Amino acid sequence: MDLNQTRVFVEVVRAGGFAAAARRLGVPKSTIRARVQALEGRLGAQLLKRSTRQLSLTSEGRSYFDAVAC
């Protein structure tokens, strides 16, 4: 398990978006997106539904978040 990818995913959910998570973690938004995409690829599941204005968890994303968030 890549804890960086998981930590980034948890922060995206808690912050409500990629830009806010990037600010909180002090890294570029592109890094946040890449880590979440890598996590989704590793898990073989889409965790987040993305649109230009909104971000929400899929059912798989909710289950994963509930399992890893402390």
Foldseek 3Di string as FASTA:
>chain_A
DPVVLVVLLLLCVVLFHLVSSCVVVVHDSVVSVVSPVVVCVVVVHNQWDDDPVGIDGDPVVVVSNVVPPD
